[in-house]
């Protein structure tokens, strides 16, 4: 990790993401003095390209912007015109930028508060133009924009696994079981949690079925309306589709498991979209058929919505070893449970990490098990066997598409040149 990346993360309150193998700040830093080779500074300009002040002048001095070029990529800068009229005159250029970023996954873009300086617009006017960009992982937005778009600060995608992932779900389930009937013995805690989880394997998973039915309903609704594919909207609608306010207290398990299943579905769709780039809802619906499971009979122990067995064992180990630190007056304390177990998982995620099937951020090897069947039939890809006997999925002509390893998932490259060289080498070996 470079010194300047470390400093940039520090200035961004420590919140960071990993993209193309490098740590990046979650929000666009207030000040950017240098860029990595694959990073781009996005600034507000005028159509004439007269970069006389503000971020535009800085882009010309530092990042390769050129006088007279007021639109698009030049050097390590990207110009979005903001001085030609009202907000609606800016929208086409923002849409053009978002499309450009999606087509150039080898680059990472820092969007500054365009239009909010010399142009005189407010964050609340410009931010909504970038609504689609919030879920695009190679676009970094100012914190002010994200707050305006999401009302409350957007949680980094890489932390969603902490919210609705396996650790989060298992602890929420145990806390709910403890609310229903106070737990006074660690063995009993393990038995009740294991029984709840294993039931979905033995007798079918009604919660995943509910999540699948929900997303199918949303897909049909948007298809009927002729709507443009909006995965960010679909994700939000998944969690607002059902009214849980009248749910009986003993049925809170249903909501916890639905949230987990919904988040898993959203994660899978985001994974698929990186190479499918959905433009219609029927294709999305068909691809979801690659997740095979039953809601009324036995499931494979490693079906898509399953829980990773060693993770459950690890939680059991923590309950056994830490029981005295998890209880008050002999009864399991939900607050202490949260602090000890989730805190420990957080330290693992921030440190050396752990097994990928625990759904650690930025590892999608588990999703790859199911996405392979989609890639097998994607006309944009050629399958090549590498020297390790694994299958590589190589984009045939559109090299902005990712390269996939049948086990590791998407491969990361430091630059477009490195990616092109890899594709040429893999293709030549296949010949």
Protein backbone atom coordinates (compact mmCIF):
# COMPACT_ATOMS: atom_id res chain seq x y z
CA UNK A 1 0.00 0.00 0.00
CA UNK A 2 1.38 3.39 -0.95
CA UNK A 3 1.93 6.13 1.63
CA UNK A 4 -0.45 8.48 -0.11
CA UNK A 5 -3.23 5.88 -0.08
CA UNK A 6 -2.73 5.43 3.64
CA UNK A 7 -2.94 9.18 4.17
CA UNK A 8 -6.03 9.43 1.97
CA UNK A 9 -7.83 6.71 3.92
CA UNK A 10 -6.93 8.42 7.17
CA UNK A 11 -8.43 11.68 5.96
CA UNK A 12 -11.59 9.77 5.08
CA UNK A 13 -12.16 8.60 8.67
CA UNK A 14 -10.70 5.19 7.95
CA UNK A 15 -13.56 4.05 5.71
CA UNK A 16 -12.17 2.36 2.64
CA UNK A 17 -12.94 -0.16 -0.05
CA UNK A 18 -10.82 -2.45 -2.21
CA UNK A 19 -10.96 -2.04 -5.98
CA UNK A 20 -8.65 -3.73 -8.49
CA UNK A 21 -6.54 -4.92 -5.60
CA UNK A 22 -5.93 -1.46 -4.13
CA UNK A 23 -7.51 0.28 -1.11
CA UNK A 24 -9.63 3.31 -2.06
CA UNK A 25 -11.49 5.77 0.15
CA UNK A 26 -15.21 5.22 0.42
CA UNK A 27 -16.00 8.93 -0.15
CA UNK A 28 -14.13 11.28 -2.46
CA UNK A 29 -11.52 12.98 -0.23
CA UNK A 30 -11.85 16.72 0.34
CA UNK A 31 -8.35 17.15 -1.05
CA UNK A 32 -6.60 14.98 -3.64
CA UNK A 33 -2.95 15.79 -4.27
CA UNK A 34 -1.99 12.64 -6.21
CA UNK A 35 -3.57 9.71 -8.02
CA UNK A 36 -2.71 6.08 -8.61
CA UNK A 37 -2.12 5.15 -12.27
CA UNK A 38 -5.70 3.86 -12.73
CA UNK A 39 -7.46 6.75 -10.93
CA UNK A 40 -9.32 9.66 -12.53
CA UNK A 41 -10.23 13.08 -11.12
CA UNK A 42 -13.79 14.07 -12.15
CA UNK A 43 -14.46 17.80 -12.13
CA UNK A 44 -17.02 20.39 -13.24
CA UNK A 45 -16.11 22.36 -16.36
CA UNK A 46 -17.62 24.61 -19.00
CA UNK A 47 -18.31 23.50 -22.57
CA UNK A 48 -15.52 25.70 -23.91
CA UNK A 49 -12.97 24.00 -21.67
CA UNK A 50 -11.79 27.29 -20.17
CA UNK A 51 -10.32 25.88 -16.98
CA UNK A 52 -9.72 29.19 -15.25
CA UNK A 53 -10.58 28.42 -11.65
CA UNK A 54 -11.68 25.95 -8.98
CA UNK A 55 -11.39 22.21 -9.52
CA UNK A 56 -11.08 22.71 -13.28
CA UNK A 57 -7.89 24.74 -12.94
CA UNK A 58 -6.56 22.20 -10.42
CA UNK A 59 -7.33 19.37 -12.87
CA UNK A 60 -5.35 21.17 -15.57
CA UNK A 61 -2.41 21.83 -13.24
CA UNK A 62 -2.26 18.35 -11.67
CA UNK A 63 -4.13 15.70 -13.64
CA UNK A 64 -3.80 16.36 -17.35
CA UNK A 65 -6.91 18.41 -18.19
CA UNK A 66 -6.38 20.45 -21.36
CA UNK A 67 -7.51 24.00 -22.10
CA UNK A 68 -10.28 23.88 -24.70
CA UNK A 69 -11.46 20.34 -23.80
CA UNK A 70 -14.58 20.70 -21.66
CA UNK A 71 -16.10 17.22 -21.92
CA UNK A 72 -14.80 13.75 -21.19
CA UNK A 73 -11.54 12.02 -20.35
CA UNK A 74 -8.22 13.78 -20.83
CA UNK A 75 -5.14 12.51 -19.02
CA UNK A 76 -6.23 11.47 -15.53
CA UNK A 77 -9.16 13.85 -15.47
CA UNK A 78 -12.76 13.71 -16.66
CA UNK A 79 -14.70 16.92 -17.38
CA UNK A 80 -18.47 17.24 -16.83
CA UNK A 81 -19.92 20.57 -18.08
CA UNK A 82 -21.93 22.43 -15.41
CA UNK A 83 -21.97 26.05 -16.61
CA UNK A 84 -24.34 25.89 -19.59
CA UNK A 85 -27.72 26.28 -17.84
CA UNK A 86 -29.93 24.55 -15.27
CA UNK A 87 -29.57 21.14 -13.66
CA UNK A 88 -31.32 19.36 -16.54
CA UNK A 89 -28.62 20.53 -18.93
CA UNK A 90 -26.05 18.78 -16.75
CA UNK A 91 -27.89 15.44 -16.55
CA UNK A 92 -26.93 14.16 -20.06
CA UNK A 93 -23.26 14.70 -19.30
CA UNK A 94 -23.54 12.92 -15.95
CA UNK A 95 -25.33 9.99 -17.63
CA UNK A 96 -22.58 9.93 -20.25
CA UNK A 97 -19.95 9.84 -17.51
CA UNK A 98 -21.69 6.99 -15.63
CA UNK A 99 -21.89 4.94 -18.84
CA UNK A 100 -18.22 5.65 -19.50
CA UNK A 101 -17.24 4.50 -15.99
CA UNK A 102 -19.24 1.29 -16.37
CA UNK A 103 -17.52 0.59 -19.69
CA UNK A 104 -14.07 1.23 -18.21
CA UNK A 105 -13.89 -0.99 -15.13
CA UNK A 106 -10.10 -0.80 -15.25
CA UNK A 107 -10.36 2.80 -14.00
CA UNK A 108 -11.48 4.23 -10.64
CA UNK A 109 -13.18 7.66 -10.65
CA UNK A 110 -13.22 10.31 -7.92
CA UNK A 111 -16.19 12.61 -8.47
CA UNK A 112 -15.74 16.04 -6.90
CA UNK A 113 -18.67 18.27 -5.88
CA UNK A 114 -19.22 19.30 -9.50
CA UNK A 115 -21.44 22.33 -10.00
CA UNK A 116 -21.34 23.28 -6.33
CA UNK A 117 -18.56 25.85 -6.62
CA UNK A 118 -18.36 28.50 -9.31
CA UNK A 119 -21.50 27.14 -11.06
CA UNK A 120 -23.52 27.94 -7.93
CA UNK A 121 -25.67 24.82 -7.53
CA UNK A 122 -26.47 23.12 -4.21
CA UNK A 123 -25.54 19.54 -3.30
CA UNK A 124 -29.26 18.73 -3.14
CA UNK A 125 -29.63 19.75 -6.80
CA UNK A 126 -26.61 17.93 -8.24
CA UNK A 127 -26.46 14.80 -6.08
CA UNK A 128 -29.64 13.15 -7.47
CA UNK A 129 -28.03 13.13 -10.92
CA UNK A 130 -25.58 10.55 -9.53
CA UNK A 131 -28.21 8.23 -8.02
CA UNK A 132 -27.20 5.31 -10.27
CA UNK A 133 -23.54 5.85 -9.43
CA UNK A 134 -23.99 4.98 -5.74
CA UNK A 135 -24.03 1.25 -6.53
CA UNK A 136 -21.21 1.34 -9.11
CA UNK A 137 -18.05 0.15 -7.42
CA UNK A 138 -15.51 2.09 -9.51
CA UNK A 139 -17.18 5.47 -8.90
CA UNK A 140 -16.40 7.33 -5.67
CA UNK A 141 -18.77 10.17 -4.72
CA UNK A 142 -18.45 13.05 -2.23
CA UNK A 143 -19.99 12.29 1.15
CA UNK A 144 -22.36 15.26 0.70
CA UNK A 145 -23.75 13.70 -2.50
CA UNK A 146 -24.23 10.26 -0.95
CA UNK A 147 -26.02 11.74 2.06
CA UNK A 148 -28.39 13.65 -0.24
CA UNK A 149 -29.12 10.60 -2.38
CA UNK A 150 -29.70 8.14 0.44
CA UNK A 151 -31.14 10.53 3.07
CA UNK A 152 -28.99 8.78 5.65
CA UNK A 153 -25.32 8.04 4.96
CA UNK A 154 -24.94 5.08 2.60
CA UNK A 155 -23.39 2.05 4.25
CA UNK A 156 -20.41 0.83 2.23
CA UNK A 157 -21.33 -2.24 0.20
CA UNK A 158 -18.41 -4.12 1.66
CA UNK A 159 -19.96 -3.75 5.13
CA UNK A 160 -23.37 -5.11 4.08
CA UNK A 161 -22.11 -8.58 4.88
CA UNK A 162 -21.73 -7.39 8.46
CA UNK A 163 -25.37 -6.25 8.44
CA UNK A 164 -27.23 -9.10 6.76
CA UNK A 165 -24.46 -11.65 6.19
CA UNK A 166 -23.89 -14.91 7.96
CA UNK A 167 -22.33 -13.64 11.19
CA UNK A 168 -24.88 -10.85 11.48
CA UNK A 169 -27.78 -13.20 10.79
CA UNK A 170 -26.68 -15.92 13.20
CA UNK A 171 -26.24 -13.45 16.03
CA UNK A 172 -29.58 -11.78 15.30
CA UNK A 173 -31.24 -15.21 15.33
CA UNK A 174 -29.64 -16.13 18.64
CA UNK A 175 -30.67 -12.79 20.15
CA UNK A 176 -34.25 -13.35 18.99
CA UNK A 177 -34.31 -16.89 20.38
CA UNK A 178 -33.01 -15.47 23.67
CA UNK A 179 -35.79 -12.86 23.67
CA UNK A 180 -38.41 -15.55 23.15
CA UNK A 181 -37.03 -17.77 25.92
CA UNK A 182 -34.03 -16.64 28.03
CA UNK A 183 -31.02 -18.90 27.53
CA UNK A 184 -29.07 -19.97 30.61
CA UNK A 185 -26.70 -22.58 29.15
CA UNK A 186 -24.27 -22.34 26.23
CA UNK A 187 -25.11 -25.86 25.10
CA UNK A 188 -28.76 -24.90 24.86
CA UNK A 189 -27.83 -21.78 22.89
CA UNK A 190 -25.91 -23.93 20.38
CA UNK A 191 -28.71 -26.48 20.10
CA UNK A 192 -31.39 -23.91 19.42
CA UNK A 193 -29.30 -22.03 16.88
CA UNK A 194 -28.17 -25.20 15.09
CA UNK A 195 -31.70 -26.56 15.02
CA UNK A 196 -33.01 -23.41 13.39
CA UNK A 197 -30.30 -23.35 10.72
CA UNK A 198 -30.32 -27.09 9.92
CA UNK A 199 -34.10 -27.05 9.47
CA UNK A 200 -33.70 -25.20 6.15
CA UNK A 201 -31.43 -27.95 4.84
CA UNK A 202 -33.55 -30.87 6.03
CA UNK A 203 -37.04 -29.63 5.28
CA UNK A 204 -36.64 -26.81 2.73
CA UNK A 205 -36.00 -23.09 2.97
CA UNK A 206 -39.25 -21.07 3.05
CA UNK A 207 -37.39 -17.81 3.69
CA UNK A 208 -35.28 -18.02 0.52
CA UNK A 209 -38.44 -18.97 -1.37
CA UNK A 210 -40.12 -15.84 -0.04
CA UNK A 211 -37.16 -13.72 -1.18
CA UNK A 212 -37.19 -15.31 -4.65
CA UNK A 213 -40.95 -14.79 -4.99
CA UNK A 214 -40.51 -11.16 -3.95
CA UNK A 215 -37.86 -10.40 -6.53
CA UNK A 216 -39.82 -12.19 -9.25
CA UNK A 217 -42.83 -10.05 -8.40
CA UNK A 218 -40.71 -6.90 -8.65
CA UNK A 219 -39.21 -8.05 -11.96
CA UNK A 220 -42.66 -8.69 -13.46
CA UNK A 221 -43.91 -5.35 -12.20
CA UNK A 222 -41.03 -3.39 -13.72
CA UNK A 223 -41.17 -5.41 -16.95
CA UNK A 224 -44.89 -4.68 -17.31
CA UNK A 225 -44.26 -0.98 -16.75
CA UNK A 226 -41.49 -0.98 -19.36
CA UNK A 227 -39.04 0.35 -16.79
CA UNK A 228 -35.31 0.64 -17.32
CA UNK A 229 -33.32 -1.92 -15.33
CA UNK A 230 -32.36 -0.37 -12.00
CA UNK A 231 -30.66 -2.86 -9.67
CA UNK A 232 -30.23 -0.26 -6.95
CA UNK A 233 -33.99 0.32 -6.92
CA UNK A 234 -34.71 -3.43 -6.94
CA UNK A 235 -32.43 -3.85 -3.93
CA UNK A 236 -34.23 -1.16 -1.94
CA UNK A 237 -37.66 -2.46 -2.94
CA UNK A 238 -36.76 -5.94 -1.70
CA UNK A 239 -36.58 -4.59 1.84
CA UNK A 240 -39.67 -2.37 1.62
CA UNK A 241 -41.95 -4.81 -0.24
CA UNK A 242 -43.30 -6.51 2.88
CA UNK A 243 -44.97 -4.76 5.79
CA UNK A 244 -43.51 -6.31 8.93
CA UNK A 245 -45.00 -3.94 11.49
CA UNK A 246 -47.80 -6.30 12.53
CA UNK A 247 -45.54 -9.33 12.74
CA UNK A 248 -45.97 -11.28 15.96
CA UNK A 249 -42.93 -11.15 18.19
CA UNK A 250 -42.34 -14.91 17.88
CA UNK A 251 -42.19 -14.55 14.08
CA UNK A 252 -39.31 -12.07 14.07
CA UNK A 253 -37.14 -15.00 12.96
CA UNK A 254 -38.98 -14.83 9.64
CA UNK A 255 -37.92 -11.23 9.04
CA UNK A 256 -34.30 -11.91 10.02
CA UNK A 257 -34.08 -14.84 7.64
CA UNK A 258 -35.85 -12.96 4.85
CA UNK A 259 -33.41 -10.04 5.17
CA UNK A 260 -30.51 -12.47 4.98
CA UNK A 261 -31.92 -14.21 1.89
CA UNK A 262 -32.75 -10.89 0.22
CA UNK A 263 -29.23 -9.57 0.80
CA UNK A 264 -27.77 -12.78 -0.63
CA UNK A 265 -29.93 -12.37 -3.75
CA UNK A 266 -28.90 -8.74 -4.18
CA UNK A 267 -25.24 -9.69 -3.84
CA UNK A 268 -25.64 -12.39 -6.49
CA UNK A 269 -27.38 -10.01 -8.90
CA UNK A 270 -24.61 -7.44 -8.45
CA UNK A 271 -22.06 -10.14 -9.18
CA UNK A 272 -23.87 -11.24 -12.35
CA UNK A 273 -24.41 -7.68 -13.54
CA UNK A 274 -20.67 -7.06 -13.79
CA UNK A 275 -20.60 -9.22 -16.91
CA UNK A 276 -24.28 -9.49 -17.88
CA UNK A 277 -24.90 -5.72 -17.80
CA UNK A 278 -28.64 -6.18 -17.74
CA UNK A 279 -30.76 -4.11 -20.07
CA UNK A 280 -34.00 -6.05 -19.60
CA UNK A 281 -35.72 -7.77 -16.71
CA UNK A 282 -36.47 -11.15 -18.39
CA UNK A 283 -32.72 -11.87 -18.68
CA UNK A 284 -32.31 -11.08 -14.98
CA UNK A 285 -35.20 -13.36 -14.05
CA UNK A 286 -33.85 -16.22 -16.17
CA UNK A 287 -30.38 -15.96 -14.62
CA UNK A 288 -31.80 -16.23 -11.13
CA UNK A 289 -32.85 -19.74 -12.10
CA UNK A 290 -29.22 -20.79 -11.60
CA UNK A 291 -29.80 -20.73 -7.82
CA UNK A 292 -31.25 -24.19 -7.22
CA UNK A 293 -32.93 -24.92 -3.88
CA UNK A 294 -36.16 -26.30 -2.48
CA UNK A 295 -38.63 -24.67 -0.13
CA UNK A 296 -40.43 -27.89 0.75
CA UNK A 297 -37.85 -30.69 0.65
CA UNK A 298 -34.20 -31.41 1.45
CA UNK A 299 -31.53 -29.02 0.18
CA UNK A 300 -27.88 -29.63 -0.60
CA UNK A 301 -25.92 -28.63 2.54
CA UNK A 302 -24.01 -26.10 0.39
CA UNK A 303 -26.95 -24.55 -1.44
CA UNK A 304 -26.72 -20.82 -2.13
CA UNK A 305 -28.54 -19.66 1.01
CA UNK A 306 -26.77 -22.11 3.31
CA UNK A 307 -24.65 -21.16 6.30
CA UNK A 308 -20.99 -22.10 6.32
CA UNK A 309 -20.58 -24.99 8.78
CA UNK A 310 -17.16 -24.05 10.25
CA UNK A 311 -18.49 -20.54 10.89
CA UNK A 312 -21.31 -21.97 12.98
CA UNK A 313 -18.76 -24.12 14.83
CA UNK A 314 -16.64 -21.02 15.45
CA UNK A 315 -19.58 -19.20 16.99
CA UNK A 316 -20.28 -22.25 19.16
CA UNK A 317 -16.65 -22.15 20.29
CA UNK A 318 -16.98 -18.50 21.26
CA UNK A 319 -20.17 -19.24 23.21
CA UNK A 320 -18.41 -22.03 25.10
CA UNK A 321 -15.21 -20.12 25.84
CA UNK A 322 -16.80 -16.75 26.58
CA UNK A 323 -20.03 -17.82 28.32
CA UNK A 324 -19.20 -16.09 31.59
CA UNK A 325 -18.48 -12.88 29.66
CA UNK A 326 -21.75 -13.18 27.73
CA UNK A 327 -24.12 -13.54 30.66
CA UNK A 328 -25.64 -11.39 33.38
CA UNK A 329 -26.98 -13.23 36.44
CA UNK A 330 -26.61 -16.50 34.55
CA UNK A 331 -28.72 -15.40 31.55
CA UNK A 332 -27.36 -14.68 28.08
CA UNK A 333 -27.12 -10.92 27.52
CA UNK A 334 -27.94 -9.81 23.98
CA UNK A 335 -25.81 -6.70 24.38
CA UNK A 336 -22.76 -8.66 25.51
CA UNK A 337 -23.36 -11.21 22.76
CA UNK A 338 -23.35 -8.43 20.17
CA UNK A 339 -20.22 -6.80 21.57
CA UNK A 340 -18.16 -9.97 21.90
CA UNK A 341 -19.08 -11.98 18.81
CA UNK A 342 -19.69 -9.24 16.26
CA UNK A 343 -16.72 -7.29 17.56
CA UNK A 344 -14.50 -10.30 17.07
CA UNK A 345 -15.77 -10.84 13.52
CA UNK A 346 -15.18 -7.17 12.79
CA UNK A 347 -11.58 -7.48 13.86
CA UNK A 348 -11.14 -10.49 11.59
CA UNK A 349 -12.57 -8.61 8.62
CA UNK A 350 -10.32 -5.62 9.28
CA UNK A 351 -7.29 -7.82 9.85
CA UNK A 352 -6.24 -11.04 8.19
CA UNK A 353 -9.70 -12.06 7.04
CA UNK A 354 -11.10 -15.57 7.19
CA UNK A 355 -12.65 -18.26 5.02
CA UNK A 356 -14.40 -16.83 1.94
CA UNK A 357 -17.63 -18.68 2.59
CA UNK A 358 -18.02 -16.59 5.72
CA UNK A 359 -18.90 -13.89 3.20
CA UNK A 360 -15.95 -11.67 3.99
CA UNK A 361 -16.13 -8.44 1.94
CA UNK A 362 -14.77 -8.48 -1.62
CA UNK A 363 -14.58 -12.26 -1.95
CA UNK A 364 -17.11 -13.69 -4.40
CA UNK A 365 -15.78 -17.23 -4.87
CA UNK A 366 -18.93 -18.68 -3.32
CA UNK A 367 -21.14 -16.78 -5.79
CA UNK A 368 -18.91 -18.02 -8.60
CA UNK A 369 -20.02 -21.60 -7.95
CA UNK A 370 -23.47 -20.66 -9.18
CA UNK A 371 -22.57 -18.00 -11.75
CA UNK A 372 -20.45 -20.47 -13.74
CA UNK A 373 -23.57 -21.87 -15.37
CA UNK A 374 -24.45 -18.34 -16.59
CA UNK A 375 -20.95 -17.75 -17.95
CA UNK A 376 -21.01 -21.15 -19.67
CA UNK A 377 -23.81 -19.89 -21.91
CA UNK A 378 -22.74 -16.26 -22.31
CA UNK A 379 -21.86 -15.56 -25.96
CA UNK A 380 -19.45 -12.80 -24.91
CA UNK A 381 -17.07 -15.31 -23.31
CA UNK A 382 -14.70 -18.04 -24.40
CA UNK A 383 -13.76 -20.85 -22.00
CA UNK A 384 -10.07 -21.70 -21.72
CA UNK A 385 -8.38 -24.29 -19.50
CA UNK A 386 -5.33 -22.94 -17.70
CA UNK A 387 -2.25 -24.90 -16.64
CA UNK A 388 -3.87 -25.63 -13.25
CA UNK A 389 -6.75 -27.42 -14.91
CA UNK A 390 -9.20 -24.63 -14.06
CA UNK A 391 -11.47 -22.87 -16.50
CA UNK A 392 -10.88 -19.23 -17.41
CA UNK A 393 -13.71 -17.17 -18.85
CA UNK A 394 -12.15 -14.73 -21.31
CA UNK A 395 -14.16 -11.92 -22.96
CA UNK A 396 -14.00 -12.45 -26.72
CA UNK A 397 -14.10 -8.88 -28.04
CA UNK A 398 -15.26 -6.47 -25.33
CA UNK A 399 -12.25 -6.38 -23.04
CA UNK A 400 -13.98 -4.01 -20.64
CA UNK A 401 -15.77 -7.14 -19.40
CA UNK A 402 -14.18 -8.90 -16.42
CA UNK A 403 -12.04 -12.04 -16.66
CA UNK A 404 -13.15 -14.90 -14.41
CA UNK A 405 -11.47 -17.92 -12.88
CA UNK A 406 -13.88 -20.82 -12.31
CA UNK A 407 -12.79 -21.04 -8.66
CA UNK A 408 -11.50 -17.62 -7.66
CA UNK A 409 -14.15 -15.56 -9.44
CA UNK A 410 -13.32 -12.19 -11.00
CA UNK A 411 -9.61 -11.61 -11.53
CA UNK A 412 -8.17 -8.22 -10.60
CA UNK A 413 -5.64 -6.36 -12.75
CA UNK A 414 -3.52 -3.33 -11.96
CA UNK A 415 -4.17 -1.72 -15.34
CA UNK A 416 -5.94 -2.24 -18.66
CA UNK A 417 -2.59 -3.07 -20.25
CA UNK A 418 -1.99 -5.84 -17.71
CA UNK A 419 -5.47 -7.20 -18.40
CA UNK A 420 -4.96 -7.10 -22.19
CA UNK A 421 -1.64 -8.92 -21.84
CA UNK A 422 -3.26 -11.60 -19.69
CA UNK A 423 -6.07 -12.11 -22.23
CA UNK A 424 -3.59 -12.38 -25.13
CA UNK A 425 -1.42 -14.84 -23.21
CA UNK A 426 -4.37 -17.00 -22.17
CA UNK A 427 -5.79 -17.01 -25.69
CA UNK A 428 -2.44 -17.95 -27.25
CA UNK A 429 -2.05 -20.90 -24.90
CA UNK A 430 -5.51 -22.07 -25.87
CA UNK A 431 -4.56 -21.95 -29.55
